Amino acid sequence: MTVLPDHRGGLALGDEVLVRLRDLCVDGGLSDLASTIEDLVGFVRDDLAAVEEDLATLSTADSLVGEAGASLVHLGGKRLRPLCVVLASRIGFARASAVCDIAVAAELVHNATLLHDDVIDHADRRRGRPTARVELGNAVSIFAGDYLLIEALHRVQRAAVPGVMEGLLETIAEMIRAESLQLENRGSLDASEDLYFRVARGKSAALFSWALGAGALSGGASPELCRALRAYGDSIGVAFQLIDDLLDLVGHRSNTGKTLFSDLSEGKITYPLIVVLDREPALADTIRAIAAEAVPSWGGDGLARPASNGDGSANGHPGSANGAGRERERVLEAMVRHNVEATCRDLAASYINEGIEALAEVPDGPARRALTVVARASVLRER
């Protein structure tokens, strides 16, 4: 058995994906799943190494835009979407080159959306570094995202697996629809759970679902297996978004690589905030005040803005850094009082269970066991 090292020095990024999953399982008390990862190292290592090699040599097209796109990709990331492609492909028998192209495409599409999101949200940090829009400007960040999307489409075209290109085009369209829906409701405290999950499915789950389905298609899986894997991808994608939104509030910046409360500052009311508002409606003014700090950066959309007193304050709350810190503390204290973190993680776990149930259609074997590990570890993550 090939054993993963206990440190990251000298590891290829493909190995780091497995190390992170293994460590999440150990920290979460899931020693049986940690052992499963150790057993599966040889099963996926070569495929993940090929994906990392392709990403590491991503062409910059000798341009500022290409360099900006490649730079974000080279910063790493969780690489869960390529891992999903690789594991789904192992349900059947796939050409290694096709699997690599599709897996790389999944990661490039994900990074393209990050570059676009950072412009829309006026984000300052990504993966522990200043965003491309901060360093190089909004135009470069937008075009860098477009560049990565084109690179992704080229790879899917080269893979030449029937149905995969059509699926990706529909997935991108679904992601755009979800972004539009979120934009239309920006700054509103009336966001419902239904709206939140519609956006989560379109923004996050859709790409996971495509990655699983595309991987399965590359391996020649039956339509029934492809549907089961897409359903699994939809469930873990929603769970992943739930944890992402939770960590935006309670995570540690050194883990998440971005500023906390960034979603609220961008006018997004996420599920943890929906829960805390439902349990303590009096927090509405405090939450409006936090969102109001960023009104100059996103209020120009012509959408509903938090009420302002015109002097840098909103709803009676000072617009100072100290005031902002106190308001964030109020929200965090309320989340503790109402056990919001446990509520979010429990709901994410229920989606994970749905995803694992969908795998009942998949023959037992290393791929299915690995997908179970990926699902369960997703709820445990702190980054």
Protein backbone atom coordinates (compact mmCIF):
# COMPACT_ATOMS: atom_id res chain seq x y z
CA MET A 1 0.00 0.00 0.00
CA THR A 2 1.26 3.50 -0.83
CA VAL A 3 0.99 5.67 2.26
CA LEU A 4 0.49 9.42 2.08
CA PRO A 5 3.07 11.47 3.98
CA ASP A 6 2.18 13.38 7.13
CA HIS A 7 3.56 16.65 5.77
CA ARG A 8 3.16 18.64 2.59
CA GLY A 9 6.73 19.54 1.82
CA GLY A 10 7.64 18.37 -1.64
CA LEU A 11 4.19 17.05 -2.46
CA ALA A 12 2.68 17.47 -5.87
CA LEU A 13 -0.67 19.27 -5.77
CA GLY A 14 -2.37 16.04 -6.84
CA ASP A 15 -1.10 14.43 -3.65
CA GLU A 16 -2.18 17.45 -1.61
CA VAL A 17 -5.79 16.83 -2.65
CA LEU A 18 -5.58 13.36 -1.11
CA VAL A 19 -3.69 14.59 1.96
CA ARG A 20 -6.36 17.20 2.68
CA LEU A 21 -9.14 14.63 2.39
CA ARG A 22 -7.26 12.20 4.59
CA ASP A 23 -6.55 14.85 7.22
CA LEU A 24 -10.17 16.04 7.24
CA CYS A 25 -11.28 12.50 7.97
CA VAL A 26 -8.71 12.07 10.74
CA ASP A 27 -9.65 15.39 12.35
CA GLY A 28 -13.33 14.50 12.09
CA GLY A 29 -12.84 11.16 13.82
CA LEU A 30 -13.50 9.17 10.63
CA SER A 31 -10.45 6.93 10.81
CA ASP A 32 -12.09 4.28 8.63
CA LEU A 33 -12.49 6.78 5.80
CA ALA A 34 -8.94 8.04 6.30
CA SER A 35 -7.74 4.46 5.81
CA THR A 36 -9.84 4.21 2.66
CA ILE A 37 -8.00 7.21 1.22
CA GLU A 38 -4.66 5.58 1.97
CA ASP A 39 -5.86 2.46 0.16
CA LEU A 40 -6.96 4.46 -2.87
CA VAL A 41 -3.79 6.50 -3.44
CA GLY A 42 -2.57 4.38 -6.31
CA PHE A 43 -6.05 4.32 -7.80
CA VAL A 44 -6.15 8.02 -8.66
CA ARG A 45 -2.64 9.41 -8.18
CA ASP A 46 -1.55 9.13 -11.81
CA ASP A 47 -4.73 10.78 -13.09
CA LEU A 48 -4.47 13.63 -10.59
CA ALA A 49 -0.80 14.10 -11.42
CA ALA A 50 -1.68 14.40 -15.12
CA VAL A 51 -4.32 17.02 -14.30
CA GLU A 52 -1.84 19.02 -12.22
CA GLU A 53 0.80 18.84 -14.94
CA ASP A 54 -1.68 20.21 -17.48
CA LEU A 55 -2.78 22.99 -15.09
CA ALA A 56 0.83 23.83 -14.22
CA THR A 57 1.71 24.28 -17.88
CA LEU A 58 -1.44 26.24 -18.74
CA SER A 59 -0.53 28.64 -21.51
CA THR A 60 -0.53 32.33 -20.68
CA ALA A 61 -0.89 33.14 -24.38
CA ASP A 62 1.95 35.63 -23.81
CA SER A 63 -0.59 38.15 -22.55
CA LEU A 64 -1.53 39.92 -19.34
CA VAL A 65 -4.98 38.33 -19.47
CA GLY A 66 -3.56 34.83 -19.90
CA GLU A 67 -1.09 35.40 -17.08
CA ALA A 68 -3.87 36.57 -14.74
CA GLY A 69 -5.94 33.47 -15.48
CA ALA A 70 -3.02 31.09 -15.10
CA SER A 71 -1.87 32.77 -11.88
CA LEU A 72 -5.13 32.02 -10.10
CA VAL A 73 -5.10 28.41 -11.29
CA HIS A 74 -1.50 28.00 -10.11
CA LEU A 75 -2.41 29.15 -6.61
CA GLY A 76 -3.99 25.75 -6.16
CA GLY A 77 -7.39 25.17 -4.61
CA LYS A 78 -9.24 22.12 -3.39
CA ARG A 79 -9.36 20.48 -6.85
CA LEU A 80 -12.51 18.57 -5.89
CA ARG A 81 -14.14 18.98 -9.28
CA PRO A 82 -11.26 17.32 -11.18
CA LEU A 83 -11.19 14.59 -8.53
CA CYS A 84 -14.91 13.99 -9.13
CA VAL A 85 -14.29 13.67 -12.88
CA VAL A 86 -11.49 11.17 -12.31
CA LEU A 87 -13.47 9.03 -9.86
CA ALA A 88 -16.61 8.99 -12.03
CA SER A 89 -14.55 7.94 -15.05
CA ARG A 90 -13.32 4.92 -13.10
CA ILE A 91 -16.86 3.52 -12.95
CA GLY A 92 -16.15 2.39 -16.49
CA PHE A 93 -13.16 2.40 -18.84
CA ALA A 94 -12.00 5.75 -20.15
CA ARG A 95 -9.15 7.13 -22.21
CA ALA A 96 -6.70 8.79 -19.83
CA SER A 97 -6.29 11.77 -22.15
CA ALA A 98 -10.05 12.38 -22.31
CA VAL A 99 -10.37 12.16 -18.53
CA CYS A 100 -7.53 14.63 -18.07
CA ASP A 101 -9.03 17.11 -20.55
CA ILE A 102 -12.46 16.99 -18.90
CA ALA A 103 -11.02 17.20 -15.38
CA VAL A 104 -8.89 20.22 -16.32
CA ALA A 105 -11.91 21.83 -17.98
CA ALA A 106 -13.92 21.47 -14.76
CA GLU A 107 -11.21 23.28 -12.80
CA LEU A 108 -10.82 26.00 -15.43
CA VAL A 109 -14.56 26.75 -15.47
CA HIS A 110 -14.53 26.98 -11.67
CA ASN A 111 -11.61 29.41 -11.71
CA ALA A 112 -13.22 31.46 -14.47
CA THR A 113 -16.29 32.00 -12.30
CA LEU A 114 -14.06 33.11 -9.42
CA LEU A 115 -12.39 35.76 -11.57
CA HIS A 116 -15.78 37.04 -12.70
CA ASP A 117 -17.27 36.89 -9.19
CA ASP A 118 -14.39 38.91 -7.76
CA VAL A 119 -15.25 41.78 -10.12
CA ILE A 120 -18.99 41.60 -9.44
CA ASP A 121 -18.43 41.39 -5.68
CA HIS A 122 -15.50 43.84 -5.48
CA ALA A 123 -13.54 41.13 -3.67
CA ASP A 124 -10.06 41.97 -2.42
CA ARG A 125 -8.62 38.55 -1.57
CA ARG A 126 -8.72 35.08 -3.05
CA ARG A 127 -6.74 32.06 -1.85
CA GLY A 128 -4.79 34.25 0.53
CA ARG A 129 -3.67 36.70 -2.17
CA PRO A 130 -4.94 39.99 -3.58
CA THR A 131 -7.42 39.30 -6.34
CA ALA A 132 -6.58 39.86 -10.01
CA ARG A 133 -8.98 42.80 -10.12
CA VAL A 134 -7.05 44.48 -7.28
CA GLU A 135 -3.64 43.88 -8.82
CA LEU A 136 -4.49 44.32 -12.49
CA GLY A 137 -7.94 45.86 -12.75
CA ASN A 138 -11.50 44.73 -13.45
CA ALA A 139 -11.09 44.44 -17.20
CA VAL A 140 -8.13 42.06 -16.90
CA SER A 141 -9.99 39.91 -14.37
CA ILE A 142 -13.07 39.65 -16.61
CA PHE A 143 -11.09 38.80 -19.72
CA ALA A 144 -8.95 36.34 -17.76
CA GLY A 145 -12.12 34.53 -16.76
CA ASP A 146 -13.24 34.48 -20.38
CA TYR A 147 -9.84 33.13 -21.39
CA LEU A 148 -10.16 30.23 -18.94
CA LEU A 149 -13.66 29.44 -20.21
CA ILE A 150 -12.38 29.24 -23.79
CA GLU A 151 -9.50 27.03 -22.65
CA ALA A 152 -12.03 24.76 -20.92
CA LEU A 153 -14.16 24.49 -24.04
CA HIS A 154 -11.11 23.66 -26.15
CA ARG A 155 -10.24 20.78 -23.84
CA VAL A 156 -13.77 19.39 -23.84
CA GLN A 157 -13.80 19.61 -27.62
CA ARG A 158 -10.48 17.72 -27.74
CA ALA A 159 -11.80 15.04 -25.39
CA ALA A 160 -14.50 14.33 -28.00
CA VAL A 161 -16.82 12.47 -25.62
CA PRO A 162 -20.41 12.58 -26.93
CA GLY A 163 -22.72 14.63 -24.73
CA VAL A 164 -20.03 16.30 -22.63
CA MET A 165 -19.79 19.57 -24.60
CA GLU A 166 -23.58 19.94 -24.72
CA GLY A 167 -23.74 19.34 -20.97
CA LEU A 168 -21.07 21.94 -20.25
CA LEU A 169 -22.79 24.60 -22.35
CA GLU A 170 -26.06 24.03 -20.50
CA THR A 171 -24.20 24.08 -17.19
CA ILE A 172 -22.60 27.44 -17.95
CA ALA A 173 -26.02 28.79 -18.93
CA GLU A 174 -27.45 27.50 -15.65
CA MET A 175 -24.66 29.17 -13.69
CA ILE A 176 -25.36 32.48 -15.43
CA ARG A 177 -29.09 32.20 -14.66
CA ALA A 178 -28.28 31.61 -10.98
CA GLU A 179 -25.91 34.58 -10.88
CA SER A 180 -28.61 36.75 -12.43
CA LEU A 181 -31.14 35.59 -9.84
CA GLN A 182 -28.72 36.40 -7.04
CA LEU A 183 -27.98 39.82 -8.56
CA GLU A 184 -31.68 40.66 -8.79
CA ASN A 185 -32.06 39.99 -5.06
CA ARG A 186 -28.86 41.64 -3.92
CA GLY A 187 -29.24 43.64 -0.73
CA SER A 188 -32.66 42.25 0.15
CA LEU A 189 -33.23 40.74 3.59
CA ASP A 190 -36.35 39.02 2.28
CA ALA A 191 -34.38 36.21 0.62
CA SER A 192 -36.17 32.91 1.14
CA GLU A 193 -34.73 29.46 1.61
CA ASP A 194 -36.20 28.52 -1.76
CA LEU A 195 -34.33 31.36 -3.47
CA TYR A 196 -31.10 30.48 -1.66
CA PHE A 197 -31.19 26.86 -2.79
CA ARG A 198 -32.12 27.76 -6.36
CA VAL A 199 -29.01 29.93 -6.50
CA ALA A 200 -26.85 27.32 -4.76
CA ARG A 201 -27.90 24.65 -7.23
CA GLY A 202 -27.16 26.85 -10.19
CA LYS A 203 -23.91 28.44 -8.98
CA SER A 204 -22.22 25.51 -7.28
CA ALA A 205 -24.06 22.21 -7.64
CA ALA A 206 -24.46 22.49 -11.42
CA LEU A 207 -20.71 22.28 -12.06
CA PHE A 208 -20.25 19.39 -9.63
CA SER A 209 -23.12 17.57 -11.32
CA TRP A 210 -21.62 18.15 -14.77
CA ALA A 211 -18.18 16.98 -13.60
CA LEU A 212 -19.60 13.70 -12.31
CA GLY A 213 -21.76 13.13 -15.37
CA ALA A 214 -18.97 14.03 -17.79
CA GLY A 215 -16.54 11.72 -16.03
CA ALA A 216 -19.07 8.91 -16.19
CA LEU A 217 -19.70 9.53 -19.89
CA SER A 218 -15.97 9.40 -20.59
CA GLY A 219 -15.89 5.94 -19.03
CA GLY A 220 -18.83 4.71 -21.09
CA ALA A 221 -21.21 4.46 -18.12
CA SER A 222 -24.87 3.68 -18.76
CA PRO A 223 -27.50 6.47 -18.73
CA GLU A 224 -28.73 5.16 -15.37
CA LEU A 225 -25.26 5.43 -13.82
CA CYS A 226 -24.74 8.88 -15.33
CA ARG A 227 -28.01 10.07 -13.77
CA ALA A 228 -27.04 8.61 -10.39
CA LEU A 229 -23.65 10.33 -10.46
CA ARG A 230 -25.16 13.65 -11.52
CA ALA A 231 -27.64 13.38 -8.63
CA TYR A 232 -24.70 12.72 -6.29
CA GLY A 233 -22.93 15.78 -7.71
CA ASP A 234 -26.00 17.96 -7.21
CA SER A 235 -26.28 16.92 -3.55
CA ILE A 236 -22.63 17.39 -2.63
CA GLY A 237 -22.58 20.68 -4.55
CA VAL A 238 -25.40 22.08 -2.39
CA ALA A 239 -23.67 20.78 0.75
CA PHE A 240 -20.41 22.34 -0.39
CA GLN A 241 -22.11 25.72 -0.88
CA LEU A 242 -23.75 25.53 2.54
CA ILE A 243 -20.38 24.98 4.22
CA ASP A 244 -18.76 27.67 2.07
CA ASP A 245 -21.36 30.20 3.19
CA LEU A 246 -21.00 29.14 6.81
CA LEU A 247 -17.21 29.53 6.70
CA ASP A 248 -17.65 33.01 5.24
CA LEU A 249 -19.01 33.93 8.66
CA VAL A 250 -17.27 31.66 11.16
CA GLY A 251 -14.13 30.53 9.33
CA HIS A 252 -10.60 31.73 9.93
CA ARG A 253 -9.09 33.97 7.27
CA SER A 254 -5.87 31.93 7.24
CA ASN A 255 -7.97 28.91 6.27
CA THR A 256 -10.46 30.45 3.87
CA GLY A 257 -8.01 32.84 2.19
CA LYS A 258 -10.62 35.59 1.99
CA THR A 259 -12.16 38.28 4.16
CA LEU A 260 -14.90 37.07 6.50
CA PHE A 261 -18.45 38.42 6.12
CA SER A 262 -17.63 39.07 2.47
CA ASP A 263 -20.96 37.60 1.28
CA LEU A 264 -22.97 39.99 3.44
CA SER A 265 -20.76 42.90 2.44
CA GLU A 266 -21.62 41.98 -1.14
CA GLY A 267 -25.35 42.14 -0.38
CA LYS A 268 -25.84 38.36 -0.33
CA ILE A 269 -28.10 36.88 2.31
CA THR A 270 -26.91 33.30 2.68
CA TYR A 271 -28.50 30.37 4.48
CA PRO A 272 -26.77 30.92 7.86
CA LEU A 273 -28.07 34.49 7.88
CA ILE A 274 -31.55 33.36 6.85
CA VAL A 275 -31.53 31.00 9.83
CA VAL A 276 -30.28 33.55 12.35
CA LEU A 277 -32.78 36.16 11.12
CA ASP A 278 -35.60 33.66 11.43
CA ARG A 279 -34.59 32.89 15.03
CA GLU A 280 -33.79 36.48 16.01
CA PRO A 281 -35.60 38.98 13.74
CA ALA A 282 -34.30 41.90 15.81
CA LEU A 283 -30.92 41.39 14.12
CA ALA A 284 -32.27 42.79 10.87
CA ASP A 285 -30.97 46.33 11.54
CA THR A 286 -27.53 45.02 12.50
CA ILE A 287 -27.32 42.92 9.33
CA ARG A 288 -28.48 45.87 7.22
CA ALA A 289 -25.77 48.02 8.78
CA ILE A 290 -23.05 45.52 7.86
CA ALA A 291 -24.32 45.33 4.29
CA ALA A 292 -24.59 49.14 4.14
CA GLU A 293 -20.82 49.51 4.58
CA ALA A 294 -20.39 48.19 1.04
CA VAL A 295 -23.25 50.08 -0.60
CA PRO A 296 -20.89 52.41 -2.54
CA SER A 297 -19.31 49.37 -4.19
CA TRP A 298 -22.47 47.55 -5.27
CA GLY A 299 -25.39 49.96 -4.79
CA GLY A 300 -25.00 51.33 -8.29
CA ASP A 301 -26.89 48.33 -9.64
CA GLY A 302 -30.12 50.23 -9.02
CA LEU A 303 -31.29 47.62 -6.54
CA ALA A 304 -32.72 48.10 -3.06
CA ARG A 305 -30.16 49.67 -0.72
CA PRO A 306 -30.02 49.54 3.07
CA ALA A 307 -31.38 52.72 4.65
CA SER A 308 -28.66 55.31 5.27
CA ASN A 309 -28.51 58.46 7.34
CA GLY A 310 -26.23 60.10 4.77
CA ASP A 311 -23.28 60.50 7.14
CA GLY A 312 -21.54 57.14 6.82
CA SER A 313 -23.97 55.46 9.21
CA ALA A 314 -26.92 53.21 8.56
CA ASN A 315 -29.95 52.56 10.71
CA GLY A 316 -28.30 54.26 13.64
CA HIS A 317 -25.09 52.23 13.53
CA PRO A 318 -21.76 54.04 13.09
CA GLY A 319 -20.04 53.45 9.78
CA SER A 320 -16.64 53.13 11.47
CA ALA A 321 -14.34 50.13 11.59
CA ASN A 322 -15.02 49.73 15.31
CA GLY A 323 -18.76 49.91 14.70
CA ALA A 324 -18.48 47.32 11.96
CA GLY A 325 -16.56 45.00 14.25
CA ARG A 326 -19.18 45.28 16.98
CA GLU A 327 -21.97 44.53 14.52
CA ARG A 328 -20.20 41.43 13.25
CA GLU A 329 -19.73 40.29 16.84
CA ARG A 330 -23.46 40.68 17.45
CA VAL A 331 -24.23 38.44 14.51
CA LEU A 332 -21.66 35.83 15.57
CA GLU A 333 -22.96 35.85 19.14
CA ALA A 334 -26.50 35.31 17.87
CA MET A 335 -25.30 32.45 15.71
CA VAL A 336 -23.83 30.81 18.79
CA ARG A 337 -26.99 31.41 20.83
CA HIS A 338 -29.14 29.80 18.17
CA ASN A 339 -26.75 26.99 17.27
CA VAL A 340 -26.66 28.11 13.63
CA GLU A 341 -23.38 26.39 12.77
CA ALA A 342 -24.74 23.01 13.87
CA THR A 343 -27.95 23.68 11.93
CA CYS A 344 -26.00 24.39 8.75
CA ARG A 345 -23.65 21.45 9.13
CA ASP A 346 -26.57 19.12 9.90
CA LEU A 347 -28.40 20.27 6.78
CA ALA A 348 -25.23 19.86 4.71
CA ALA A 349 -24.87 16.35 6.17
CA SER A 350 -28.43 15.53 5.08
CA TYR A 351 -27.56 16.55 1.51
CA ILE A 352 -24.42 14.43 1.74
CA ASN A 353 -26.53 11.46 2.81
CA GLU A 354 -28.80 12.02 -0.20
CA GLY A 355 -25.76 12.03 -2.45
CA ILE A 356 -24.40 8.82 -0.93
CA GLU A 357 -27.83 7.21 -1.35
CA ALA A 358 -27.72 8.12 -5.05
CA LEU A 359 -24.52 6.07 -5.29
CA ALA A 360 -26.56 2.93 -4.57
CA GLU A 361 -26.91 2.64 -8.36
CA VAL A 362 -23.12 2.54 -8.71
CA PRO A 363 -21.39 -0.88 -8.44
CA ASP A 364 -19.38 -1.28 -5.25
CA GLY A 365 -15.67 -0.71 -5.78
CA PRO A 366 -12.84 1.75 -5.22
CA ALA A 367 -14.53 4.60 -7.13
CA ARG A 368 -17.76 4.38 -5.15
CA ARG A 369 -15.89 4.17 -1.85
CA ALA A 370 -13.76 7.18 -2.77
CA LEU A 371 -16.83 9.21 -3.72
CA THR A 372 -18.28 8.41 -0.31
CA VAL A 373 -15.10 9.76 1.31
CA VAL A 374 -15.25 12.96 -0.76
CA ALA A 375 -18.86 13.50 0.26
CA ARG A 376 -18.37 12.97 3.98
CA ALA A 377 -15.17 14.99 4.13
CA SER A 378 -16.90 17.96 2.49
CA VAL A 379 -18.98 18.59 5.62
CA LEU A 380 -15.89 18.53 7.85
CA ARG A 381 -13.84 21.10 5.97
CA GLU A 382 -12.70 24.39 7.50
CA ARG A 383 -11.47 26.01 4.26
